[in-house]
């Protein structure tokens, strides 16, 4: 049933485009980590049959980050972020992104 639904509402060309957007993901020049992480997760949700496992998703996300963002994540991981298992890495990214989100919104209110 799921396959039929995906085939009907998610054409091959749309699938290829969505999967390509995931595979070529990169952080915008002035995009904070919180927005980058949310945008990446939204891309994954828009292509439910992308077939990237958790480790591949993290590799794609991390590879698309700006060097200074990678440095922040690596420091938060206590070494190299990509040496963490996917579950640990996601917890770290979620935590840093939540803190980043809060700091950006606190500045906007001032």
Protein backbone atom coordinates (compact mmCIF):
# COMPACT_ATOMS: atom_id res chain seq x y z
CA UNK A 1 0.00 0.00 0.00
CA UNK A 2 2.81 2.38 0.94
CA UNK A 3 4.66 1.68 -2.32
CA UNK A 4 1.54 2.39 -4.38
CA UNK A 5 0.94 5.65 -2.55
CA UNK A 6 4.53 6.77 -3.02
CA UNK A 7 4.46 5.79 -6.71
CA UNK A 8 1.24 7.71 -7.29
CA UNK A 9 2.10 10.92 -5.46
CA UNK A 10 5.88 10.91 -5.73
CA UNK A 11 6.88 10.64 -9.39
CA UNK A 12 10.34 9.36 -10.37
CA UNK A 13 11.45 12.84 -11.44
CA UNK A 14 10.28 14.34 -8.15
CA UNK A 15 12.07 11.54 -6.27
CA UNK A 16 15.33 12.14 -8.16
CA UNK A 17 15.13 15.88 -7.52
CA UNK A 18 14.38 15.42 -3.81
CA UNK A 19 17.12 12.81 -3.32
CA UNK A 20 19.60 15.04 -5.16
CA UNK A 21 18.71 17.95 -2.86
CA UNK A 22 19.58 15.75 0.12
CA UNK A 23 22.81 14.43 -1.41
CA UNK A 24 24.07 17.90 -2.34
CA UNK A 25 22.96 19.64 0.85
CA UNK A 26 25.02 22.59 2.10
CA UNK A 27 24.71 25.26 4.75
CA UNK A 28 23.83 28.73 3.48
CA UNK A 29 26.42 31.50 3.81
CA UNK A 30 24.65 33.29 6.69
CA UNK A 31 22.48 30.38 7.82
CA UNK A 32 22.70 29.52 11.52
CA UNK A 33 23.02 25.89 12.59
CA UNK A 34 19.46 25.74 13.91
CA UNK A 35 18.02 26.69 10.52
CA UNK A 36 20.45 24.44 8.67
CA UNK A 37 19.48 21.43 10.77
CA UNK A 38 15.74 22.10 10.41
CA UNK A 39 16.10 22.54 6.64
CA UNK A 40 18.01 19.26 6.34
CA UNK A 41 15.42 17.35 8.37
CA UNK A 42 12.65 18.86 6.21
CA UNK A 43 14.42 17.61 3.06
CA UNK A 44 14.52 14.10 4.53
CA UNK A 45 10.81 14.24 5.40
CA UNK A 46 9.88 15.41 1.90
CA UNK A 47 11.54 12.32 0.42
CA UNK A 48 10.45 9.43 2.64
CA UNK A 49 12.00 6.79 0.37
CA UNK A 50 15.45 8.46 0.11
CA UNK A 51 17.20 5.25 1.29
CA UNK A 52 20.01 7.06 3.15
CA UNK A 53 20.70 5.30 6.46
CA UNK A 54 21.37 7.36 9.61
CA UNK A 55 25.16 7.29 9.16
CA UNK A 56 24.89 8.46 5.54
CA UNK A 57 22.46 11.23 6.52
CA UNK A 58 24.88 12.51 9.16
CA UNK A 59 27.78 12.33 6.73
CA UNK A 60 25.85 14.34 4.13
CA UNK A 61 24.77 16.92 6.73
CA UNK A 62 28.23 17.29 8.27
CA UNK A 63 29.97 17.46 4.88
CA UNK A 64 27.68 20.31 3.84
CA UNK A 65 28.47 22.49 6.84
CA UNK A 66 30.71 25.53 6.88
CA UNK A 67 34.13 24.93 8.52
CA UNK A 68 33.34 27.05 11.59
CA UNK A 69 30.11 25.10 12.19
CA UNK A 70 32.01 21.82 11.90
CA UNK A 71 34.48 23.13 14.49
CA UNK A 72 31.64 23.90 16.92
CA UNK A 73 30.13 20.45 16.49
CA UNK A 74 33.51 18.73 16.82
CA UNK A 75 34.26 20.66 20.01
CA UNK A 76 30.83 19.77 21.39
CA UNK A 77 31.44 16.12 20.55
CA UNK A 78 34.74 16.18 22.42
CA UNK A 79 36.64 15.29 19.28
CA UNK A 80 35.47 14.52 15.78
CA UNK A 81 31.69 14.53 15.41
CA UNK A 82 31.76 11.84 12.75
CA UNK A 83 33.42 9.39 15.16
CA UNK A 84 30.19 9.30 17.18
CA UNK A 85 27.48 6.75 16.54
CA UNK A 86 24.51 8.32 14.73
CA UNK A 87 22.28 8.40 17.82
CA UNK A 88 24.92 10.27 19.86
CA UNK A 89 25.65 12.67 17.02
CA UNK A 90 21.95 13.50 16.59
CA UNK A 91 21.61 14.25 20.31
CA UNK A 92 24.60 16.61 20.10
CA UNK A 93 23.34 18.34 16.97
CA UNK A 94 19.82 18.68 18.41
CA UNK A 95 21.24 20.19 21.60
CA UNK A 96 23.53 22.67 19.82
CA UNK A 97 20.78 23.60 17.35
CA UNK A 98 18.29 24.22 20.18
CA UNK A 99 20.80 26.46 21.95
CA UNK A 100 21.56 28.23 18.66
CA UNK A 101 17.84 28.73 18.02
CA UNK A 102 17.35 30.21 21.49
CA UNK A 103 20.31 32.59 21.13
CA UNK A 104 19.11 33.84 17.72
CA UNK A 105 15.58 34.45 19.00
CA UNK A 106 16.80 36.14 22.19
CA UNK A 107 18.79 38.62 20.07
CA UNK A 108 15.78 39.31 17.87
CA UNK A 109 13.71 40.30 20.91
CA UNK A 110 16.26 42.86 22.15
